[in-house]
């Protein structure tokens, strides 16, 4: 008898608490995970003729933080796009963004590898601004800085700094529409 009374009182308190939470506006705005695919083109600002193709996959961990992976292909020009002078970089890291209506400023840090003349480690920092074009479609302008230490067996180590300007279009896939699908 005491257990039934206690359980009914505790259930009433739980339902009362949930109903009061549901009336709060912050509870109604819940976060839904998304996966962004970002495709872009750009130029190497350090070496004016170098062109860049960029692909990134971004998974939203929360409203502000994302896990990101990117692939960048750099070449001297259209005639030599698939020849040996190209440099490819693959990196993984995080990205932090703020969301203001249609504008999303963001910055990111990534670690990865580059396969120019040899395979070298890469540290990549990026900053950008994304603008909502249509539902789930974004246009982004970004600046990317890459530190690529060139490790030498003899002599002193050198570092190569590259700066890029990129324009990209991204699409956000919503992974779940409601709490029931999560």
N, C-alpha and C. Protein backbone atom coordinates (compact mmCIF):
# COMPACT_ATOMS: atom_id res chain seq x y z
N UNK A 1 0.82 -1.19 0.00
CA UNK A 1 0.00 0.00 0.00
C UNK A 1 0.87 1.26 0.00
N UNK A 2 1.89 1.23 0.86
CA UNK A 2 2.79 2.37 0.92
C UNK A 2 3.56 2.52 -0.40
N UNK A 3 3.94 1.39 -1.00
CA UNK A 3 4.66 1.42 -2.28
C UNK A 3 3.80 2.03 -3.38
N UNK A 4 2.50 1.64 -3.43
CA UNK A 4 1.60 2.18 -4.46
C UNK A 4 1.44 3.69 -4.30
N UNK A 5 1.28 4.13 -3.06
CA UNK A 5 1.12 5.56 -2.82
C UNK A 5 2.40 6.31 -3.20
N UNK A 6 3.57 5.77 -2.81
CA UNK A 6 4.84 6.39 -3.13
C UNK A 6 5.07 6.44 -4.64
N UNK A 7 4.76 5.34 -5.33
CA UNK A 7 4.98 5.32 -6.78
C UNK A 7 4.03 6.27 -7.50
N UNK A 8 2.78 6.39 -7.05
CA UNK A 8 1.87 7.31 -7.72
C UNK A 8 2.25 8.76 -7.46
N UNK A 9 2.75 9.05 -6.25
CA UNK A 9 3.22 10.42 -5.95
C UNK A 9 4.46 10.74 -6.77
N UNK A 10 5.40 9.81 -6.86
CA UNK A 10 6.62 10.07 -7.62
C UNK A 10 6.32 10.20 -9.12
N UNK A 11 5.39 9.40 -9.64
CA UNK A 11 5.01 9.55 -11.05
C UNK A 11 4.34 10.89 -11.29
N UNK A 12 3.53 11.35 -10.35
CA UNK A 12 2.89 12.67 -10.49
C UNK A 12 3.93 13.77 -10.51
N UNK A 13 4.95 13.66 -9.66
CA UNK A 13 6.02 14.67 -9.64
C UNK A 13 6.80 14.65 -10.95
N UNK A 14 7.09 13.47 -11.47
CA UNK A 14 7.82 13.36 -12.74
C UNK A 14 7.01 13.98 -13.87
N UNK A 15 5.72 13.65 -13.98
CA UNK A 15 4.89 14.22 -15.04
C UNK A 15 4.75 15.73 -14.90
N UNK A 16 4.63 16.22 -13.65
CA UNK A 16 4.55 17.65 -13.41
C UNK A 16 5.84 18.34 -13.85
N UNK A 17 6.98 17.72 -13.53
CA UNK A 17 8.28 18.27 -13.95
C UNK A 17 8.44 18.29 -15.45
N UNK A 18 8.06 17.20 -16.12
CA UNK A 18 8.16 17.15 -17.58
C UNK A 18 7.23 18.14 -18.25
N UNK A 19 6.03 18.30 -17.71
CA UNK A 19 5.10 19.26 -18.32
C UNK A 19 5.59 20.68 -18.13
N UNK A 20 6.26 20.98 -17.01
CA UNK A 20 6.80 22.33 -16.84
C UNK A 20 8.00 22.55 -17.75
N UNK A 21 8.81 21.51 -17.98
CA UNK A 21 9.92 21.64 -18.92
C UNK A 21 9.43 21.83 -20.35
N UNK A 22 8.37 21.16 -20.71
CA UNK A 22 7.85 21.26 -22.07
C UNK A 22 7.34 22.67 -22.37
N UNK A 23 6.93 23.41 -21.35
CA UNK A 23 6.44 24.76 -21.58
C UNK A 23 7.57 25.76 -21.76
N UNK A 24 8.80 25.40 -21.41
CA UNK A 24 9.93 26.30 -21.60
C UNK A 24 10.31 26.38 -23.07
N UNK A 25 10.60 27.57 -23.60
CA UNK A 25 10.95 27.67 -25.02
C UNK A 25 12.27 26.99 -25.36
N UNK A 26 13.22 26.94 -24.43
CA UNK A 26 14.51 26.31 -24.72
C UNK A 26 14.36 24.81 -24.93
N UNK A 27 13.40 24.19 -24.26
CA UNK A 27 13.20 22.75 -24.42
C UNK A 27 12.65 22.42 -25.79
N UNK A 28 11.86 23.34 -26.36
CA UNK A 28 11.26 23.09 -27.67
C UNK A 28 12.29 23.16 -28.79
N UNK A 29 13.39 23.86 -28.57
CA UNK A 29 14.43 23.99 -29.59
C UNK A 29 15.52 22.95 -29.32
N UNK A 30 15.31 21.75 -29.73
CA UNK A 30 16.30 20.71 -29.51
C UNK A 30 17.22 20.59 -30.71
N UNK A 31 18.37 19.99 -30.48
CA UNK A 31 19.38 19.85 -31.52
C UNK A 31 19.20 18.52 -32.24
N UNK A 32 19.31 18.53 -33.55
CA UNK A 32 19.21 17.33 -34.37
C UNK A 32 20.53 17.18 -35.12
N UNK A 33 21.17 16.00 -35.07
CA UNK A 33 22.47 15.84 -35.73
C UNK A 33 22.37 15.97 -37.25
N UNK A 34 23.45 16.54 -37.85
CA UNK A 34 23.51 16.74 -39.29
C UNK A 34 24.87 16.30 -39.81
N UNK A 35 24.90 15.97 -41.07
CA UNK A 35 26.13 15.63 -41.77
C UNK A 35 26.22 16.57 -42.96
N UNK A 36 27.32 17.33 -43.06
CA UNK A 36 27.51 18.29 -44.14
C UNK A 36 28.54 17.75 -45.13
N UNK A 37 28.25 17.90 -46.42
CA UNK A 37 29.20 17.61 -47.48
C UNK A 37 29.56 18.95 -48.12
N UNK A 38 30.84 19.28 -48.16
CA UNK A 38 31.31 20.58 -48.62
C UNK A 38 32.24 20.39 -49.82
N UNK A 39 31.92 21.01 -50.95
CA UNK A 39 32.75 20.97 -52.16
C UNK A 39 33.16 22.38 -52.52
N UNK A 40 34.45 22.57 -52.84
CA UNK A 40 34.89 23.92 -53.13
C UNK A 40 36.10 23.98 -54.04
N UNK A 41 36.35 25.19 -54.54
CA UNK A 41 37.51 25.51 -55.36
C UNK A 41 38.20 26.71 -54.75
N UNK A 42 39.51 26.82 -55.00
CA UNK A 42 40.23 27.96 -54.47
C UNK A 42 41.59 28.12 -55.11
N UNK A 43 42.35 29.06 -54.56
CA UNK A 43 43.70 29.32 -55.05
C UNK A 43 44.65 29.36 -53.86
N UNK A 44 45.91 29.06 -54.15
CA UNK A 44 46.98 29.18 -53.17
C UNK A 44 47.45 30.62 -53.19
N UNK A 45 47.27 31.36 -52.12
CA UNK A 45 47.67 32.76 -52.08
C UNK A 45 49.18 32.92 -51.97
N UNK A 46 49.87 31.89 -51.48
CA UNK A 46 51.33 31.93 -51.38
C UNK A 46 51.98 31.78 -52.75
N UNK A 47 51.37 30.99 -53.63
CA UNK A 47 51.86 30.76 -55.00
C UNK A 47 50.66 30.95 -55.91
N UNK A 48 50.54 32.12 -56.53
CA UNK A 48 49.33 32.54 -57.22
C UNK A 48 48.72 31.60 -58.24
N UNK A 49 49.51 30.77 -58.93
CA UNK A 49 48.95 29.93 -60.00
C UNK A 49 48.44 28.58 -59.51
N UNK A 50 48.69 28.23 -58.28
CA UNK A 50 48.26 26.94 -57.77
C UNK A 50 46.75 26.95 -57.55
N UNK A 51 46.05 26.02 -58.15
CA UNK A 51 44.60 25.88 -57.96
C UNK A 51 44.32 24.72 -57.03
N UNK A 52 43.19 24.82 -56.33
CA UNK A 52 42.87 23.85 -55.29
C UNK A 52 41.44 23.36 -55.45
N UNK A 53 41.26 22.05 -55.33
CA UNK A 53 39.92 21.45 -55.21
C UNK A 53 39.81 20.91 -53.78
N UNK A 54 38.65 21.09 -53.18
CA UNK A 54 38.48 20.79 -51.76
C UNK A 54 37.20 19.99 -51.54
N UNK A 55 37.29 18.96 -50.70
CA UNK A 55 36.13 18.17 -50.29
C UNK A 55 36.21 17.99 -48.77
N UNK A 56 35.11 18.27 -48.09
CA UNK A 56 35.08 18.08 -46.63
C UNK A 56 33.79 17.38 -46.24
N UNK A 57 33.89 16.55 -45.22
CA UNK A 57 32.74 15.90 -44.60
C UNK A 57 32.73 16.36 -43.15
N UNK A 58 31.60 16.91 -42.71
CA UNK A 58 31.51 17.51 -41.39
C UNK A 58 30.32 16.89 -40.65
N UNK A 59 30.57 16.34 -39.47
CA UNK A 59 29.50 15.77 -38.65
C UNK A 59 29.31 16.65 -37.43
N UNK A 60 28.09 17.11 -37.21
CA UNK A 60 27.80 17.99 -36.08
C UNK A 60 27.70 17.17 -34.80
N UNK A 61 28.61 17.43 -33.86
CA UNK A 61 28.60 16.77 -32.55
C UNK A 61 27.63 17.47 -31.60
N UNK A 62 27.49 18.78 -31.76
CA UNK A 62 26.54 19.59 -31.00
C UNK A 62 26.19 20.79 -31.88
N UNK A 63 25.49 21.77 -31.33
CA UNK A 63 25.15 22.93 -32.16
C UNK A 63 26.38 23.74 -32.53
N UNK A 64 27.43 23.70 -31.71
CA UNK A 64 28.62 24.49 -31.97
C UNK A 64 29.81 23.68 -32.48
N UNK A 65 29.99 22.45 -32.00
CA UNK A 65 31.19 21.67 -32.31
C UNK A 65 30.91 20.62 -33.37
N UNK A 66 31.88 20.45 -34.27
CA UNK A 66 31.79 19.47 -35.33
C UNK A 66 33.09 18.68 -35.47
N UNK A 67 32.98 17.45 -35.90
CA UNK A 67 34.14 16.66 -36.32
C UNK A 67 34.22 16.81 -37.83
N UNK A 68 35.43 17.01 -38.34
CA UNK A 68 35.56 17.25 -39.78
C UNK A 68 36.73 16.48 -40.36
N UNK A 69 36.57 16.09 -41.59
CA UNK A 69 37.62 15.47 -42.37
C UNK A 69 37.67 16.15 -43.71
N UNK A 70 38.86 16.39 -44.23
CA UNK A 70 38.95 17.09 -45.51
C UNK A 70 40.01 16.49 -46.41
N UNK A 71 39.79 16.69 -47.69
CA UNK A 71 40.72 16.27 -48.74
C UNK A 71 40.96 17.49 -49.62
N UNK A 72 42.22 17.80 -49.91
CA UNK A 72 42.55 18.95 -50.75
C UNK A 72 43.53 18.49 -51.84
N UNK A 73 43.22 18.85 -53.08
CA UNK A 73 44.08 18.53 -54.22
C UNK A 73 44.56 19.85 -54.81
N UNK A 74 45.88 20.01 -54.93
CA UNK A 74 46.47 21.25 -55.42
C UNK A 74 47.30 20.96 -56.66
N UNK A 75 47.17 21.83 -57.69
CA UNK A 75 47.89 21.63 -58.94
C UNK A 75 48.29 22.97 -59.54
N UNK A 76 49.24 22.93 -60.50
CA UNK A 76 49.72 24.16 -61.16
C UNK A 76 48.74 24.73 -62.16
N UNK A 77 47.94 23.92 -62.81
CA UNK A 77 47.03 24.44 -63.81
C UNK A 77 46.19 23.35 -64.42
N UNK A 78 45.28 23.75 -65.29
CA UNK A 78 44.31 22.82 -65.89
C UNK A 78 45.00 21.75 -66.74
N UNK A 79 46.07 22.11 -67.45
CA UNK A 79 46.75 21.14 -68.31
C UNK A 79 47.48 20.08 -67.50
N UNK A 80 47.90 20.43 -66.30
CA UNK A 80 48.70 19.51 -65.50
C UNK A 80 47.93 18.98 -64.30
N UNK A 81 46.63 19.03 -64.32
CA UNK A 81 45.81 18.71 -63.14
C UNK A 81 46.08 17.31 -62.59
N UNK A 82 46.29 16.33 -63.45
CA UNK A 82 46.48 14.96 -62.97
C UNK A 82 47.93 14.49 -63.06
N UNK A 83 48.89 15.39 -63.24
CA UNK A 83 50.29 14.98 -63.35
C UNK A 83 50.96 14.96 -61.98
N UNK A 84 52.26 14.60 -61.97
CA UNK A 84 52.99 14.37 -60.73
C UNK A 84 53.26 15.61 -59.89
N UNK A 85 53.07 16.81 -60.42
CA UNK A 85 53.36 18.01 -59.65
C UNK A 85 52.27 18.34 -58.63
N UNK A 86 51.22 17.57 -58.61
CA UNK A 86 50.10 17.86 -57.70
C UNK A 86 50.45 17.46 -56.27
N UNK A 87 49.79 18.11 -55.33
CA UNK A 87 49.94 17.82 -53.90
C UNK A 87 48.56 17.50 -53.35
N UNK A 88 48.47 16.44 -52.58
CA UNK A 88 47.20 16.06 -51.96
C UNK A 88 47.37 16.06 -50.45
N UNK A 89 46.35 16.57 -49.76
CA UNK A 89 46.38 16.62 -48.30
C UNK A 89 45.09 16.03 -47.75
N UNK A 90 45.22 15.19 -46.74
CA UNK A 90 44.08 14.60 -46.05
C UNK A 90 44.24 14.95 -44.57
N UNK A 91 43.16 15.42 -43.93
CA UNK A 91 43.28 15.80 -42.53
C UNK A 91 41.97 15.57 -41.78
N UNK A 92 42.08 15.39 -40.47
CA UNK A 92 40.94 15.20 -39.56
C UNK A 92 41.06 16.19 -38.41
N UNK A 93 39.93 16.66 -37.91
CA UNK A 93 39.98 17.59 -36.79
C UNK A 93 38.61 18.02 -36.33
N UNK A 94 38.56 19.21 -35.75
CA UNK A 94 37.32 19.76 -35.23
C UNK A 94 37.05 21.13 -35.82
N UNK A 95 35.82 21.54 -35.67
CA UNK A 95 35.39 22.85 -36.15
C UNK A 95 34.40 23.41 -35.15
N UNK A 96 34.49 24.70 -34.87
CA UNK A 96 33.57 25.38 -33.96
C UNK A 96 32.84 26.45 -34.75
N UNK A 97 31.51 26.49 -34.62
CA UNK A 97 30.75 27.48 -35.37
C UNK A 97 29.69 28.13 -34.49
N UNK A 98 29.34 29.34 -34.84
CA UNK A 98 28.23 30.06 -34.22
C UNK A 98 27.15 30.17 -35.27
N UNK A 99 25.90 30.19 -34.84
CA UNK A 99 24.79 30.20 -35.79
C UNK A 99 23.94 31.45 -35.56
N UNK A 100 24.02 32.41 -36.49
CA UNK A 100 23.23 33.64 -36.43
C UNK A 100 22.29 33.67 -37.62
N UNK A 101 21.05 33.27 -37.44
CA UNK A 101 20.03 33.28 -38.48
C UNK A 101 20.55 32.64 -39.76
N UNK A 102 21.01 33.42 -40.74
CA UNK A 102 21.47 32.85 -42.01
C UNK A 102 22.99 32.82 -42.14
N UNK A 103 23.71 33.35 -41.17
CA UNK A 103 25.17 33.45 -41.26
C UNK A 103 25.80 32.59 -40.17
N UNK A 104 26.84 31.80 -40.55
CA UNK A 104 27.54 30.95 -39.60
C UNK A 104 29.04 31.21 -39.69
N UNK A 105 29.62 32.03 -38.79
CA UNK A 105 31.08 32.13 -38.74
C UNK A 105 31.65 30.89 -38.06
N UNK A 106 32.83 30.44 -38.49
CA UNK A 106 33.41 29.23 -37.92
C UNK A 106 34.93 29.26 -38.01
N UNK A 107 35.58 28.43 -37.21
CA UNK A 107 37.01 28.19 -37.34
C UNK A 107 37.27 26.72 -37.04
N UNK A 108 38.37 26.21 -37.57
CA UNK A 108 38.67 24.80 -37.39
C UNK A 108 40.16 24.53 -37.30
N UNK A 109 40.51 23.42 -36.68
CA UNK A 109 41.88 22.91 -36.61
C UNK A 109 41.88 21.45 -37.01
N UNK A 110 42.86 21.07 -37.83
CA UNK A 110 42.96 19.68 -38.28
C UNK A 110 44.42 19.25 -38.33
N UNK A 111 44.64 17.96 -38.14
CA UNK A 111 45.94 17.33 -38.32
C UNK A 111 45.81 16.33 -39.46
N UNK A 112 46.87 16.20 -40.26
CA UNK A 112 46.77 15.26 -41.36
C UNK A 112 48.10 14.98 -42.02
N UNK A 113 48.02 14.52 -43.26
CA UNK A 113 49.20 14.15 -44.05
C UNK A 113 49.14 14.79 -45.42
N UNK A 114 50.32 15.06 -45.98
CA UNK A 114 50.45 15.60 -47.32
C UNK A 114 51.36 14.67 -48.12
N UNK A 115 51.07 14.47 -49.40
CA UNK A 115 51.91 13.58 -50.21
C UNK A 115 52.49 14.29 -51.42
N UNK A 116 53.18 15.40 -51.21
CA UNK A 116 53.85 16.09 -52.31
C UNK A 116 55.02 15.26 -52.81
N UNK A 117 56.24 15.67 -52.51
CA UNK A 117 57.43 14.89 -52.86
C UNK A 117 57.57 13.68 -51.95
N UNK A 118 57.16 13.83 -50.71
CA UNK A 118 57.16 12.73 -49.75
C UNK A 118 55.97 12.93 -48.82
N UNK A 119 55.68 11.94 -48.02
CA UNK A 119 54.55 12.05 -47.09
C UNK A 119 55.02 12.80 -45.85
N UNK A 120 54.34 13.91 -45.54
CA UNK A 120 54.71 14.78 -44.42
C UNK A 120 53.48 15.07 -43.56
N UNK A 121 53.69 15.34 -42.27
CA UNK A 121 52.56 15.75 -41.42
C UNK A 121 52.11 17.17 -41.76
N UNK A 122 50.85 17.47 -41.48
CA UNK A 122 50.27 18.76 -41.81
C UNK A 122 49.43 19.26 -40.63
N UNK A 123 49.55 20.53 -40.31
CA UNK A 123 48.65 21.19 -39.37
C UNK A 123 47.87 22.22 -40.17
N UNK A 124 46.55 22.14 -40.11
CA UNK A 124 45.68 22.99 -40.93
C UNK A 124 44.77 23.81 -40.02
N UNK A 125 44.76 25.12 -40.21
CA UNK A 125 43.85 26.01 -39.49
C UNK A 125 42.99 26.73 -40.52
N UNK A 126 41.70 26.85 -40.24
CA UNK A 126 40.82 27.50 -41.20
C UNK A 126 39.83 28.40 -40.46
N UNK A 127 39.42 29.44 -41.15
CA UNK A 127 38.41 30.35 -40.64
C UNK A 127 37.49 30.67 -41.81
N UNK A 128 36.20 30.76 -41.55
CA UNK A 128 35.29 30.99 -42.66
C UNK A 128 33.96 31.57 -42.23
N UNK A 129 33.17 31.87 -43.23
CA UNK A 129 31.84 32.42 -43.05
C UNK A 129 30.91 31.71 -44.02
N UNK A 130 29.88 31.08 -43.49
CA UNK A 130 28.90 30.37 -44.32
C UNK A 130 27.59 31.14 -44.33
N UNK A 131 26.95 31.17 -45.48
CA UNK A 131 25.68 31.88 -45.65
C UNK A 131 24.62 30.90 -46.14
N UNK A 132 23.47 30.88 -45.51
CA UNK A 132 22.37 29.99 -45.88
C UNK A 132 21.74 30.49 -47.17
N UNK A 133 21.88 29.71 -48.27
CA UNK A 133 21.28 30.07 -49.56
C UNK A 133 19.83 29.63 -49.62
N UNK A 134 19.62 28.35 -49.44
CA UNK A 134 18.31 27.72 -49.43
C UNK A 134 18.28 26.77 -48.24
N UNK A 135 17.17 26.12 -48.02
CA UNK A 135 17.11 25.17 -46.92
C UNK A 135 18.17 24.08 -47.14
N UNK A 136 19.08 23.93 -46.18
CA UNK A 136 20.16 22.94 -46.17
C UNK A 136 21.31 23.25 -47.12
N UNK A 137 21.30 24.33 -47.90
CA UNK A 137 22.38 24.69 -48.81
C UNK A 137 23.11 25.93 -48.29
N UNK A 138 24.45 25.85 -48.20
CA UNK A 138 25.26 26.95 -47.70
C UNK A 138 26.34 27.31 -48.71
N UNK A 139 26.65 28.61 -48.80
CA UNK A 139 27.78 29.12 -49.57
C UNK A 139 28.81 29.59 -48.56
N UNK A 140 30.06 29.15 -48.71
CA UNK A 140 31.10 29.48 -47.73
C UNK A 140 32.28 30.15 -48.39
N UNK A 141 32.82 31.14 -47.71
CA UNK A 141 34.09 31.76 -48.06
C UNK A 141 35.02 31.47 -46.90
N UNK A 142 36.21 30.96 -47.20
CA UNK A 142 37.10 30.59 -46.11
C UNK A 142 38.55 30.86 -46.46
N UNK A 143 39.33 31.03 -45.43
CA UNK A 143 40.77 31.14 -45.54
C UNK A 143 41.39 29.96 -44.81
N UNK A 144 42.38 29.35 -45.41
CA UNK A 144 43.02 28.17 -44.84
C UNK A 144 44.52 28.41 -44.77
N UNK A 145 45.09 28.14 -43.62
CA UNK A 145 46.54 28.19 -43.45
C UNK A 145 47.04 26.79 -43.15
N UNK A 146 48.10 26.39 -43.83
CA UNK A 146 48.65 25.05 -43.64
C UNK A 146 50.13 25.16 -43.28
N UNK A 147 50.49 24.54 -42.18
CA UNK A 147 51.88 24.43 -41.76
C UNK A 147 52.31 23.01 -42.07
N UNK A 148 53.33 22.91 -42.91
CA UNK A 148 53.80 21.60 -43.36
C UNK A 148 55.30 21.49 -43.09
N UNK A 149 55.69 20.92 -41.93
CA UNK A 149 57.11 20.78 -41.66
C UNK A 149 57.75 19.81 -42.65
N UNK A 150 58.86 20.23 -43.23
CA UNK A 150 59.57 19.35 -44.16
C UNK A 150 60.74 18.76 -43.40
N UNK A 151 60.55 17.54 -42.93
CA UNK A 151 61.55 16.89 -42.10
C UNK A 151 62.70 16.40 -42.97
N UNK A 152 63.90 16.75 -42.58
CA UNK A 152 65.09 16.37 -43.34
C UNK A 152 65.94 15.44 -42.48
N UNK A 153 66.55 14.46 -43.10
CA UNK A 153 67.42 13.55 -42.35
C UNK A 153 68.73 14.24 -41.98
N UNK A 154 69.20 15.14 -42.84
CA UNK A 154 70.43 15.87 -42.56
C UNK A 154 70.11 17.35 -42.47
N UNK A 155 70.82 18.03 -41.62
CA UNK A 155 70.60 19.47 -41.53
C UNK A 155 69.40 19.82 -40.67
N UNK A 156 68.99 21.06 -40.79
CA UNK A 156 67.90 21.56 -39.96
C UNK A 156 66.55 21.31 -40.62
N UNK A 157 65.55 21.15 -39.78
CA UNK A 157 64.19 21.01 -40.29
C UNK A 157 63.70 22.36 -40.81
N UNK A 158 62.89 22.31 -41.84
CA UNK A 158 62.30 23.52 -42.40
C UNK A 158 60.79 23.37 -42.33
N UNK A 159 60.11 24.50 -42.40
CA UNK A 159 58.65 24.46 -42.40
C UNK A 159 58.14 25.24 -43.60
N UNK A 160 57.09 24.74 -44.19
CA UNK A 160 56.45 25.38 -45.34
C UNK A 160 55.08 25.89 -44.90
N UNK A 161 54.82 27.16 -45.15
CA UNK A 161 53.52 27.76 -44.83
C UNK A 161 52.79 28.03 -46.13
N UNK A 162 51.56 27.61 -46.22
CA UNK A 162 50.74 27.86 -47.39
C UNK A 162 49.44 28.50 -46.94
N UNK A 163 48.95 29.48 -47.71
CA UNK A 163 47.69 30.14 -47.40
C UNK A 163 46.77 30.02 -48.61
N UNK A 164 45.52 29.68 -48.36
CA UNK A 164 44.55 29.43 -49.43
C UNK A 164 43.30 30.26 -49.20
N UNK A 165 42.65 30.58 -50.29
CA UNK A 165 41.33 31.20 -50.27
C UNK A 165 40.39 30.24 -50.98
N UNK A 166 39.28 29.87 -50.34
CA UNK A 166 38.36 28.88 -50.90
C UNK A 166 36.94 29.43 -50.97
N UNK A 167 36.23 29.04 -52.01
CA UNK A 167 34.79 29.26 -52.13
C UNK A 167 34.18 27.87 -52.25
N UNK A 168 33.18 27.59 -51.42
CA UNK A 168 32.60 26.25 -51.44
C UNK A 168 31.09 26.30 -51.24
N UNK A 169 30.45 25.22 -51.66
CA UNK A 169 29.02 25.03 -51.46
C UNK A 169 28.86 23.75 -50.64
N UNK A 170 28.00 23.82 -49.63
CA UNK A 170 27.79 22.63 -48.81
C UNK A 170 26.31 22.34 -48.66
N UNK A 171 26.02 21.07 -48.44
CA UNK A 171 24.65 20.60 -48.23
C UNK A 171 24.60 19.88 -46.89
N UNK A 172 23.60 20.18 -46.08
CA UNK A 172 23.43 19.55 -44.76
C UNK A 172 22.36 18.47 -44.84
N UNK A 173 22.76 17.24 -44.52
CA UNK A 173 21.82 16.13 -44.42
C UNK A 173 21.36 16.04 -42.97
N UNK A 174 20.07 16.09 -42.74
CA UNK A 174 19.54 15.92 -41.40
C UNK A 174 19.46 14.42 -41.14
N UNK A 175 20.11 13.96 -40.08
CA UNK A 175 20.19 12.52 -39.80
C UNK A 175 18.98 11.99 -39.05
N UNK A 176 18.22 12.85 -38.39
CA UNK A 176 17.01 12.43 -37.67
C UNK A 176 16.07 13.62 -37.57
N UNK A 177 14.79 13.38 -37.74
CA UNK A 177 13.81 14.46 -37.68
C UNK A 177 13.22 14.66 -36.30
N UNK A 178 13.30 13.65 -35.44
CA UNK A 178 12.69 13.76 -34.12
C UNK A 178 13.48 12.92 -33.12
N UNK A 179 13.11 13.05 -31.85
CA UNK A 179 13.77 12.26 -30.81
C UNK A 179 13.54 10.77 -31.00
N UNK A 180 12.40 10.39 -31.56
CA UNK A 180 12.09 8.97 -31.74
C UNK A 180 13.06 8.30 -32.71
N UNK A 181 13.58 9.05 -33.70
CA UNK A 181 14.49 8.47 -34.68
C UNK A 181 15.91 8.38 -34.15
N UNK A 182 16.23 9.11 -33.09
CA UNK A 182 17.57 9.06 -32.51
C UNK A 182 17.69 7.83 -31.71
